[in-house]
């Protein structure tokens, strides 16, 4: 074989090797976290299952409903001890609709109107027997004011009570049962849980 022929064969082999070096491994040999490591902004090193964004993505697509309840219970702890104040919007005093608006904005990245009369038109109406965590519950006690809270689950709702301040109360309490008006679902539970996860990761 001539020197030219040998050189041509060597160049062809080198070109072939260079092409293989830049292509991904065959599908059957792809490590489980290969595609995760190819995502922009991620390190190419070994990845812990806890840090795997594909697992996070799965959790985001199919979040547990417990996410909503847990977020609301944390909000209860955060606001506990805050007194009721008509028109108030802070830890120094807050009313029922402001509490709802603040929690939905900060915990679920959702804007709701400021007043009870506006909030009662949000989303869709749901039956009392079909309540899910995150639904809004409304009451018509005697007098001109309406009252509202957020259903937490297991028969409890979170609200700013005029007598107790921010509190968890039972829906089947004789007072709240008597003046129950209606319930609304501003967002589907899955959407609400997704937003809670996004807000907590931000």
C-alpha atoms as a PDB file:
ATOM      1  CA  UNK A   1       0.000   0.000   0.000  1.00  0.00           C
ATOM      2  CA  UNK A   2       1.378   3.409  -0.982  1.00  0.00           C
ATOM      3  CA  UNK A   3       2.126   6.158   1.517  1.00  0.00           C
ATOM      4  CA  UNK A   4      -0.779   8.208   0.077  1.00  0.00           C
ATOM      5  CA  UNK A   5      -3.205   5.298   0.530  1.00  0.00           C
ATOM      6  CA  UNK A   6      -2.033   4.736   4.131  1.00  0.00           C
ATOM      7  CA  UNK A   7      -2.432   8.439   4.906  1.00  0.00           C
ATOM      8  CA  UNK A   8      -5.963   8.437   3.417  1.00  0.00           C
ATOM      9  CA  UNK A   9      -7.008   5.424   5.516  1.00  0.00           C
ATOM     10  CA  UNK A  10      -5.585   6.993   8.712  1.00  0.00           C
ATOM     11  CA  UNK A  11      -7.391  10.287   8.052  1.00  0.00           C
ATOM     12  CA  UNK A  12     -10.656   8.429   7.464  1.00  0.00           C
ATOM     13  CA  UNK A  13     -10.247   6.515  10.739  1.00  0.00           C
ATOM     14  CA  UNK A  14      -9.482   9.722  12.675  1.00  0.00           C
ATOM     15  CA  UNK A  15     -12.508  11.467  11.186  1.00  0.00           C
ATOM     16  CA  UNK A  16     -14.694   8.547  12.200  1.00  0.00           C
ATOM     17  CA  UNK A  17     -13.354   8.583  15.766  1.00  0.00           C
ATOM     18  CA  UNK A  18     -13.877  12.343  16.066  1.00  0.00           C
ATOM     19  CA  UNK A  19     -17.495  11.988  14.942  1.00  0.00           C
ATOM     20  CA  UNK A  20     -18.214   9.310  17.589  1.00  0.00           C
ATOM     21  CA  UNK A  21     -16.628  11.358  20.333  1.00  0.00           C
ATOM     22  CA  UNK A  22     -19.187  14.183  19.999  1.00  0.00           C
ATOM     23  CA  UNK A  23     -22.344  12.100  19.641  1.00  0.00           C
ATOM     24  CA  UNK A  24     -24.419  10.898  22.644  1.00  0.00           C
ATOM     25  CA  UNK A  25     -24.268   7.226  23.600  1.00  0.00           C
ATOM     26  CA  UNK A  26     -26.766   4.858  21.952  1.00  0.00           C
ATOM     27  CA  UNK A  27     -30.222   4.850  23.571  1.00  0.00           C
ATOM     28  CA  UNK A  28     -29.587   1.479  25.216  1.00  0.00           C
ATOM     29  CA  UNK A  29     -26.479   2.838  26.932  1.00  0.00           C
ATOM     30  CA  UNK A  30     -27.887   6.179  28.110  1.00  0.00           C
ATOM     31  CA  UNK A  31     -27.424   6.496  31.890  1.00  0.00           C
ATOM     32  CA  UNK A  32     -30.645   7.309  33.805  1.00  0.00           C
ATOM     33  CA  UNK A  33     -29.631  10.902  34.516  1.00  0.00           C
ATOM     34  CA  UNK A  34     -28.104  11.663  31.104  1.00  0.00           C
ATOM     35  CA  UNK A  35     -30.950  13.875  29.887  1.00  0.00           C
ATOM     36  CA  UNK A  36     -31.164  15.627  33.230  1.00  0.00           C
ATOM     37  CA  UNK A  37     -27.460  16.447  33.008  1.00  0.00           C
ATOM     38  CA  UNK A  38     -27.981  17.951  29.550  1.00  0.00           C
ATOM     39  CA  UNK A  39     -30.453  20.543  30.840  1.00  0.00           C
ATOM     40  CA  UNK A  40     -29.078  24.112  30.665  1.00  0.00           C
ATOM     41  CA  UNK A  41     -27.501  25.468  33.809  1.00  0.00           C
ATOM     42  CA  UNK A  42     -26.939  22.128  35.517  1.00  0.00           C
ATOM     43  CA  UNK A  43     -23.550  20.670  36.446  1.00  0.00           C
ATOM     44  CA  UNK A  44     -22.440  17.626  34.506  1.00  0.00           C
ATOM     45  CA  UNK A  45     -21.352  15.757  37.647  1.00  0.00           C
ATOM     46  CA  UNK A  46     -23.157  12.929  39.463  1.00  0.00           C
ATOM     47  CA  UNK A  47     -26.619  13.885  40.635  1.00  0.00           C
ATOM     48  CA  UNK A  48     -28.329  12.982  43.883  1.00  0.00           C
ATOM     49  CA  UNK A  49     -31.907  11.660  43.486  1.00  0.00           C
ATOM     50  CA  UNK A  50     -33.006  14.481  45.794  1.00  0.00           C
ATOM     51  CA  UNK A  51     -31.574  17.089  43.405  1.00  0.00           C
ATOM     52  CA  UNK A  52     -32.757  15.438  40.208  1.00  0.00           C
ATOM     53  CA  UNK A  53     -34.907  18.004  38.341  1.00  0.00           C
ATOM     54  CA  UNK A  54     -36.782  15.205  36.582  1.00  0.00           C
ATOM     55  CA  UNK A  55     -38.122  14.064  39.950  1.00  0.00           C
ATOM     56  CA  UNK A  56     -39.037  17.665  40.776  1.00  0.00           C
ATOM     57  CA  UNK A  57     -40.815  17.889  37.430  1.00  0.00           C
ATOM     58  CA  UNK A  58     -42.822  14.767  38.214  1.00  0.00           C
ATOM     59  CA  UNK A  59     -43.801  16.193  41.602  1.00  0.00           C
ATOM     60  CA  UNK A  60     -44.883  19.391  39.894  1.00  0.00           C
ATOM     61  CA  UNK A  61     -46.978  17.550  37.308  1.00  0.00           C
ATOM     62  CA  UNK A  62     -48.704  15.370  39.890  1.00  0.00           C
ATOM     63  CA  UNK A  63     -48.489  17.218  43.217  1.00  0.00           C
ATOM     64  CA  UNK A  64     -49.949  15.782  46.375  1.00  0.00           C
ATOM     65  CA  UNK A  65     -53.076  17.501  47.666  1.00  0.00           C
ATOM     66  CA  UNK A  66     -51.348  17.543  51.058  1.00  0.00           C
ATOM     67  CA  UNK A  67     -49.172  20.378  49.712  1.00  0.00           C
ATOM     68  CA  UNK A  68     -52.132  22.780  49.971  1.00  0.00           C
ATOM     69  CA  UNK A  69     -53.128  21.713  53.476  1.00  0.00           C
ATOM     70  CA  UNK A  70     -49.540  21.923  54.725  1.00  0.00           C
ATOM     71  CA  UNK A  71     -49.122  25.401  53.215  1.00  0.00           C
ATOM     72  CA  UNK A  72     -52.307  26.601  54.919  1.00  0.00           C
ATOM     73  CA  UNK A  73     -51.273  25.148  58.285  1.00  0.00           C
ATOM     74  CA  UNK A  74     -47.940  26.954  57.968  1.00  0.00           C
ATOM     75  CA  UNK A  75     -49.830  30.169  57.241  1.00  0.00           C
ATOM     76  CA  UNK A  76     -51.910  29.583  60.357  1.00  0.00           C
ATOM     77  CA  UNK A  77     -48.713  29.351  62.395  1.00  0.00           C
ATOM     78  CA  UNK A  78     -47.343  32.471  60.728  1.00  0.00           C
ATOM     79  CA  UNK A  79     -50.447  34.580  61.393  1.00  0.00           C
ATOM     80  CA  UNK A  80     -51.374  33.100  64.774  1.00  0.00           C
ATOM     81  CA  UNK A  81     -51.864  35.859  67.343  1.00  0.00           C
ATOM     82  CA  UNK A  82     -52.765  38.505  64.764  1.00  0.00           C
ATOM     83  CA  UNK A  83     -55.917  40.338  65.914  1.00  0.00           C
ATOM     84  CA  UNK A  84     -58.913  41.075  63.732  1.00  0.00           C
ATOM     85  CA  UNK A  85     -59.137  44.629  62.429  1.00  0.00           C
ATOM     86  CA  UNK A  86     -61.654  45.732  59.810  1.00  0.00           C
ATOM     87  CA  UNK A  87     -59.675  47.113  56.876  1.00  0.00           C
ATOM     88  CA  UNK A  88     -56.394  45.812  58.335  1.00  0.00           C
ATOM     89  CA  UNK A  89     -53.809  44.126  56.134  1.00  0.00           C
ATOM     90  CA  UNK A  90     -50.845  43.457  58.437  1.00  0.00           C
ATOM     91  CA  UNK A  91     -49.673  41.578  61.523  1.00  0.00           C
ATOM     92  CA  UNK A  92     -50.984  44.463  63.610  1.00  0.00           C
ATOM     93  CA  UNK A  93     -54.503  43.591  62.507  1.00  0.00           C
ATOM     94  CA  UNK A  94     -56.178  41.997  59.511  1.00  0.00           C
ATOM     95  CA  UNK A  95     -59.698  41.273  58.313  1.00  0.00           C
ATOM     96  CA  UNK A  96     -60.968  38.055  56.752  1.00  0.00           C
ATOM     97  CA  UNK A  97     -60.778  39.037  53.083  1.00  0.00           C
ATOM     98  CA  UNK A  98     -57.316  40.596  53.442  1.00  0.00           C
ATOM     99  CA  UNK A  99     -56.038  37.385  55.048  1.00  0.00           C
ATOM    100  CA  UNK A 100     -57.382  35.375  52.106  1.00  0.00           C
ATOM    101  CA  UNK A 101     -55.931  37.793  49.558  1.00  0.00           C
ATOM    102  CA  UNK A 102     -52.501  37.822  51.245  1.00  0.00           C
ATOM    103  CA  UNK A 103     -52.251  34.038  51.613  1.00  0.00           C
ATOM    104  CA  UNK A 104     -53.269  33.413  48.010  1.00  0.00           C
ATOM    105  CA  UNK A 105     -50.810  36.012  46.745  1.00  0.00           C
ATOM    106  CA  UNK A 106     -47.828  34.947  48.838  1.00  0.00           C
ATOM    107  CA  UNK A 107     -48.395  31.203  49.145  1.00  0.00           C
ATOM    108  CA  UNK A 108     -50.172  30.316  45.906  1.00  0.00           C
ATOM    109  CA  UNK A 109     -49.014  33.117  43.564  1.00  0.00           C
ATOM    110  CA  UNK A 110     -52.649  33.920  42.796  1.00  0.00           C
ATOM    111  CA  UNK A 111     -54.261  37.341  42.868  1.00  0.00           C
ATOM    112  CA  UNK A 112     -57.727  37.508  44.395  1.00  0.00           C
ATOM    113  CA  UNK A 113     -59.855  40.638  44.903  1.00  0.00           C
ATOM    114  CA  UNK A 114     -59.638  42.510  48.190  1.00  0.00           C
ATOM    115  CA  UNK A 115     -63.238  42.294  49.431  1.00  0.00           C
ATOM    116  CA  UNK A 116     -65.517  39.426  50.422  1.00  0.00           C
ATOM    117  CA  UNK A 117     -68.216  40.688  48.045  1.00  0.00           C
ATOM    118  CA  UNK A 118     -65.737  40.317  45.162  1.00  0.00           C
ATOM    119  CA  UNK A 119     -64.133  37.074  46.324  1.00  0.00           C
ATOM    120  CA  UNK A 120     -67.503  35.326  46.449  1.00  0.00           C
ATOM    121  CA  UNK A 121     -67.597  35.485  42.629  1.00  0.00           C
ATOM    122  CA  UNK A 122     -64.191  33.859  42.081  1.00  0.00           C
ATOM    123  CA  UNK A 123     -63.834  30.455  40.429  1.00  0.00           C
ATOM    124  CA  UNK A 124     -66.745  28.056  40.563  1.00  0.00           C
ATOM    125  CA  UNK A 125     -69.244  27.186  43.235  1.00  0.00           C
ATOM    126  CA  UNK A 126     -68.777  23.859  45.055  1.00  0.00           C
ATOM    127  CA  UNK A 127     -71.050  21.949  47.375  1.00  0.00           C
ATOM    128  CA  UNK A 128     -70.200  21.886  51.051  1.00  0.00           C
ATOM    129  CA  UNK A 129     -69.841  18.104  50.945  1.00  0.00           C
ATOM    130  CA  UNK A 130     -67.246  18.366  48.164  1.00  0.00           C
ATOM    131  CA  UNK A 131     -64.865  20.852  49.790  1.00  0.00           C
ATOM    132  CA  UNK A 132     -61.136  20.545  49.120  1.00  0.00           C
ATOM    133  CA  UNK A 133     -58.233  22.303  50.839  1.00  0.00           C
ATOM    134  CA  UNK A 134     -57.858  25.770  49.313  1.00  0.00           C
ATOM    135  CA  UNK A 135     -61.578  26.335  48.674  1.00  0.00           C
ATOM    136  CA  UNK A 136     -63.063  29.574  49.962  1.00  0.00           C
ATOM    137  CA  UNK A 137     -65.948  29.330  52.427  1.00  0.00           C
ATOM    138  CA  UNK A 138     -68.419  32.186  52.977  1.00  0.00           C
ATOM    139  CA  UNK A 139     -70.844  32.984  55.763  1.00  0.00           C
ATOM    140  CA  UNK A 140     -73.765  35.397  56.241  1.00  0.00           C
ATOM    141  CA  UNK A 141     -73.999  36.124  59.973  1.00  0.00           C
ATOM    142  CA  UNK A 142     -76.484  38.704  61.282  1.00  0.00           C
ATOM    143  CA  UNK A 143     -75.650  42.257  60.236  1.00  0.00           C
ATOM    144  CA  UNK A 144     -74.366  43.808  57.060  1.00  0.00           C
ATOM    145  CA  UNK A 145     -70.923  42.169  56.911  1.00  0.00           C
ATOM    146  CA  UNK A 146     -70.131  38.857  55.248  1.00  0.00           C
ATOM    147  CA  UNK A 147     -67.391  36.562  56.499  1.00  0.00           C
ATOM    148  CA  UNK A 148     -64.941  34.299  54.624  1.00  0.00           C
ATOM    149  CA  UNK A 149     -62.153  31.812  55.225  1.00  0.00           C
ATOM    150  CA  UNK A 150     -60.056  29.159  53.495  1.00  0.00           C
ATOM    151  CA  UNK A 151     -60.922  25.491  53.901  1.00  0.00           C
ATOM    152  CA  UNK A 152     -57.925  23.546  55.247  1.00  0.00           C
ATOM    153  CA  UNK A 153     -59.367  20.039  55.306  1.00  0.00           C
ATOM    154  CA  UNK A 154     -60.716  17.625  57.932  1.00  0.00           C
ATOM    155  CA  UNK A 155     -63.607  20.009  58.658  1.00  0.00           C
ATOM    156  CA  UNK A 156     -61.446  23.045  59.531  1.00  0.00           C
ATOM    157  CA  UNK A 157     -61.112  26.454  57.910  1.00  0.00           C
ATOM    158  CA  UNK A 158     -58.592  29.253  58.415  1.00  0.00           C
ATOM    159  CA  UNK A 159     -59.922  32.779  58.918  1.00  0.00           C
ATOM    160  CA  UNK A 160     -59.577  36.086  60.725  1.00  0.00           C
ATOM    161  CA  UNK A 161     -62.256  35.880  63.379  1.00  0.00           C
ATOM    162  CA  UNK A 162     -63.579  39.116  64.870  1.00  0.00           C
ATOM    163  CA  UNK A 163     -63.502  37.540  68.339  1.00  0.00           C
ATOM    164  CA  UNK A 164     -60.298  35.444  68.191  1.00  0.00           C
ATOM    165  CA  UNK A 165     -58.172  36.962  65.451  1.00  0.00           C
ATOM    166  CA  UNK A 166     -56.524  34.548  63.008  1.00  0.00           C
ATOM    167  CA  UNK A 167     -57.715  31.061  63.934  1.00  0.00           C
ATOM    168  CA  UNK A 168     -58.686  27.605  62.754  1.00  0.00           C
ATOM    169  CA  UNK A 169     -62.379  26.858  63.298  1.00  0.00           C
ATOM    170  CA  UNK A 170     -64.611  23.887  62.621  1.00  0.00           C
ATOM    171  CA  UNK A 171     -67.231  24.160  59.906  1.00  0.00           C
ATOM    172  CA  UNK A 172     -69.595  22.001  61.944  1.00  0.00           C
ATOM    173  CA  UNK A 173     -69.486  24.423  64.875  1.00  0.00           C
ATOM    174  CA  UNK A 174     -73.129  25.358  65.520  1.00  0.00           C
ATOM    175  CA  UNK A 175     -72.503  29.061  64.748  1.00  0.00           C
ATOM    176  CA  UNK A 176     -70.653  28.532  61.453  1.00  0.00           C
ATOM    177  CA  UNK A 177     -72.994  25.739  60.373  1.00  0.00           C
ATOM    178  CA  UNK A 178     -76.003  28.000  60.927  1.00  0.00           C
ATOM    179  CA  UNK A 179     -74.605  30.896  58.881  1.00  0.00           C
ATOM    180  CA  UNK A 180     -72.803  28.971  56.141  1.00  0.00           C
ATOM    181  CA  UNK A 181     -73.565  30.638  52.810  1.00  0.00           C
ATOM    182  CA  UNK A 182     -71.546  29.038  50.015  1.00  0.00           C
ATOM    183  CA  UNK A 183     -68.100  27.785  48.923  1.00  0.00           C
ATOM    184  CA  UNK A 184     -66.020  28.698  45.887  1.00  0.00           C
ATOM    185  CA  UNK A 185     -63.022  27.042  44.236  1.00  0.00           C
ATOM    186  CA  UNK A 186     -60.780  29.790  42.770  1.00  0.00           C
ATOM    187  CA  UNK A 187     -58.421  27.218  41.198  1.00  0.00           C
ATOM    188  CA  UNK A 188     -58.458  23.463  40.688  1.00  0.00           C
ATOM    189  CA  UNK A 189     -56.610  21.692  43.546  1.00  0.00           C
ATOM    190  CA  UNK A 190     -53.861  20.457  41.211  1.00  0.00           C
ATOM    191  CA  UNK A 191     -53.169  23.993  39.968  1.00  0.00           C
ATOM    192  CA  UNK A 192     -53.184  25.350  43.509  1.00  0.00           C
ATOM    193  CA  UNK A 193     -50.731  22.662  44.667  1.00  0.00           C
ATOM    194  CA  UNK A 194     -48.452  23.386  41.702  1.00  0.00           C
ATOM    195  CA  UNK A 195     -48.419  27.074  42.527  1.00  0.00           C
ATOM    196  CA  UNK A 196     -47.672  26.318  46.176  1.00  0.00           C
ATOM    197  CA  UNK A 197     -44.660  24.228  45.130  1.00  0.00           C
ATOM    198  CA  UNK A 198     -43.420  26.947  42.769  1.00  0.00           C
ATOM    199  CA  UNK A 199     -43.837  29.648  45.423  1.00  0.00           C
ATOM    200  CA  UNK A 200     -41.967  27.598  48.034  1.00  0.00           C
ATOM    201  CA  UNK A 201     -39.098  26.838  45.629  1.00  0.00           C
ATOM    202  CA  UNK A 202     -38.743  30.523  44.709  1.00  0.00           C
END
